[in-house]
Amino acid sequence: MEKVFNMIFTDFTQSFNSPTPPAELSEALKSLWWDGKGNWDKAHNIAQEIEDTQEGAWVHAYLHRKEGDRGNAGYWYRRAGKPFPDISLEKEWEEISRELLR
């Protein structure tokens, strides 16, 4: 199982070579995809449009944490039911991506 999971995550990160995200991704994953490509604004625009889901709130929280807006990030972590993380942004991005790819 872990081997397949890693392959999926690898495919996700390798897709950064494309100009657009894979069509089959959820909106939350598309948001992370754009952030992974270095386009925070596009990622945030997508996150803002995600309907009331824990996944969307988690991605939105991460993006505000990355932006440096701890207060807004805290609000979104609470909506996602997640604690404010004490890990690097890179590690959190990977954690969220891996979780949402399951």
Protein backbone atom coordinates (compact mmCIF):
# COMPACT_ATOMS: atom_id res chain seq x y z
CA MET A 1 0.00 0.00 0.00
CA GLU A 2 2.72 2.51 0.92
CA LYS A 3 4.50 1.93 -2.38
CA VAL A 4 1.38 2.77 -4.40
CA PHE A 5 0.74 5.81 -2.19
CA ASN A 6 4.26 7.16 -2.78
CA MET A 7 3.88 6.61 -6.49
CA ILE A 8 0.72 8.71 -6.51
CA PHE A 9 2.42 11.53 -4.58
CA THR A 10 5.38 11.36 -6.96
CA ASP A 11 3.04 11.61 -9.94
CA PHE A 12 1.39 14.63 -8.31
CA THR A 13 4.69 16.47 -7.86
CA GLN A 14 5.95 15.46 -11.30
CA SER A 15 2.82 16.98 -12.81
CA PHE A 16 4.29 20.42 -11.97
CA ASN A 17 6.00 20.13 -15.36
CA SER A 18 2.59 20.65 -16.99
CA PRO A 19 1.11 24.11 -17.50
CA THR A 20 -2.14 23.16 -15.73
CA PRO A 21 -3.06 20.70 -12.97
CA PRO A 22 -4.43 17.27 -13.83
CA ALA A 23 -8.19 17.57 -14.42
CA GLU A 24 -9.06 14.75 -12.02
CA LEU A 25 -7.71 16.59 -8.96
CA SER A 26 -10.10 17.94 -6.34
CA GLU A 27 -10.23 21.70 -5.96
CA ALA A 28 -8.23 21.42 -2.72
CA LEU A 29 -5.49 19.50 -4.54
CA LYS A 30 -5.56 21.96 -7.43
CA SER A 31 -4.98 24.73 -4.91
CA LEU A 32 -1.98 22.85 -3.46
CA TRP A 33 -0.77 22.14 -6.99
CA TRP A 34 -0.66 25.86 -7.84
CA ASP A 35 1.07 26.60 -4.54
CA GLY A 36 3.58 23.86 -5.34
CA LYS A 37 4.28 25.64 -8.64
CA GLY A 38 4.93 28.88 -6.75
CA ASN A 39 1.65 30.64 -7.52
CA TRP A 40 0.25 31.46 -4.07
CA ASP A 41 -2.33 33.91 -5.44
CA LYS A 42 -3.91 31.36 -7.78
CA ALA A 43 -3.81 28.74 -5.01
CA HIS A 44 -5.55 31.12 -2.62
CA ASN A 45 -8.18 32.10 -5.19
CA ILE A 46 -9.10 28.43 -5.61
CA ALA A 47 -9.10 27.83 -1.84
CA GLN A 48 -11.49 30.74 -1.33
CA GLU A 49 -14.00 29.16 -3.72
CA ILE A 50 -14.02 25.72 -2.09
CA GLU A 51 -17.35 25.05 -0.44
CA ASP A 52 -17.50 24.40 3.28
CA THR A 53 -15.30 21.30 3.59
CA GLN A 54 -12.63 20.33 6.08
CA GLU A 55 -10.22 19.67 3.20
CA GLY A 56 -10.74 23.13 1.77
CA ALA A 57 -10.40 24.74 5.19
CA TRP A 58 -7.13 22.86 5.81
CA VAL A 59 -5.63 24.05 2.53
CA HIS A 60 -6.89 27.58 3.20
CA ALA A 61 -5.31 27.48 6.68
CA TYR A 62 -1.98 26.33 5.27
CA LEU A 63 -2.00 29.11 2.67
CA HIS A 64 -2.64 31.81 5.29
CA ARG A 65 0.09 30.32 7.49
CA LYS A 66 2.44 30.52 4.51
CA GLU A 67 1.36 34.11 3.93
CA GLY A 68 2.29 34.89 7.54
CA ASP A 69 -1.27 35.68 8.68
CA ARG A 70 -1.39 33.56 11.85
CA GLY A 71 -4.76 34.89 12.99
CA ASN A 72 -6.53 34.02 9.75
CA ALA A 73 -4.66 30.72 9.55
CA GLY A 74 -5.81 29.87 13.08
CA TYR A 75 -9.42 30.51 12.11
CA TRP A 76 -9.14 28.12 9.14
CA TYR A 77 -7.30 25.43 11.15
CA ARG A 78 -10.18 25.50 13.65
CA ARG A 79 -12.69 25.15 10.79
CA ALA A 80 -10.66 22.21 9.48
CA GLY A 81 -10.55 20.58 12.91
CA LYS A 82 -6.74 20.66 12.84
CA PRO A 83 -4.26 22.01 15.39
CA PHE A 84 -1.96 24.85 14.38
CA PRO A 85 1.09 22.93 13.11
CA ASP A 86 4.59 23.11 14.51
CA ILE A 87 6.30 21.81 11.37
CA SER A 88 7.87 23.46 8.34
CA LEU A 89 5.62 24.76 5.58
CA GLU A 90 7.19 22.26 3.18
CA LYS A 91 6.43 19.36 5.49
CA GLU A 92 2.86 20.56 6.00
CA TRP A 93 2.33 20.95 2.24
CA GLU A 94 3.47 17.36 1.75
CA GLU A 95 1.33 16.10 4.65
CA ILE A 96 -1.82 17.75 3.30
CA SER A 97 -1.09 16.60 -0.26
CA ARG A 98 -0.51 13.00 0.79
CA GLU A 99 -3.67 12.97 2.90
CA LEU A 100 -5.83 14.41 0.13
CA LEU A 101 -4.41 12.02 -2.47
CA ARG A 102 -5.67 8.99 -0.49
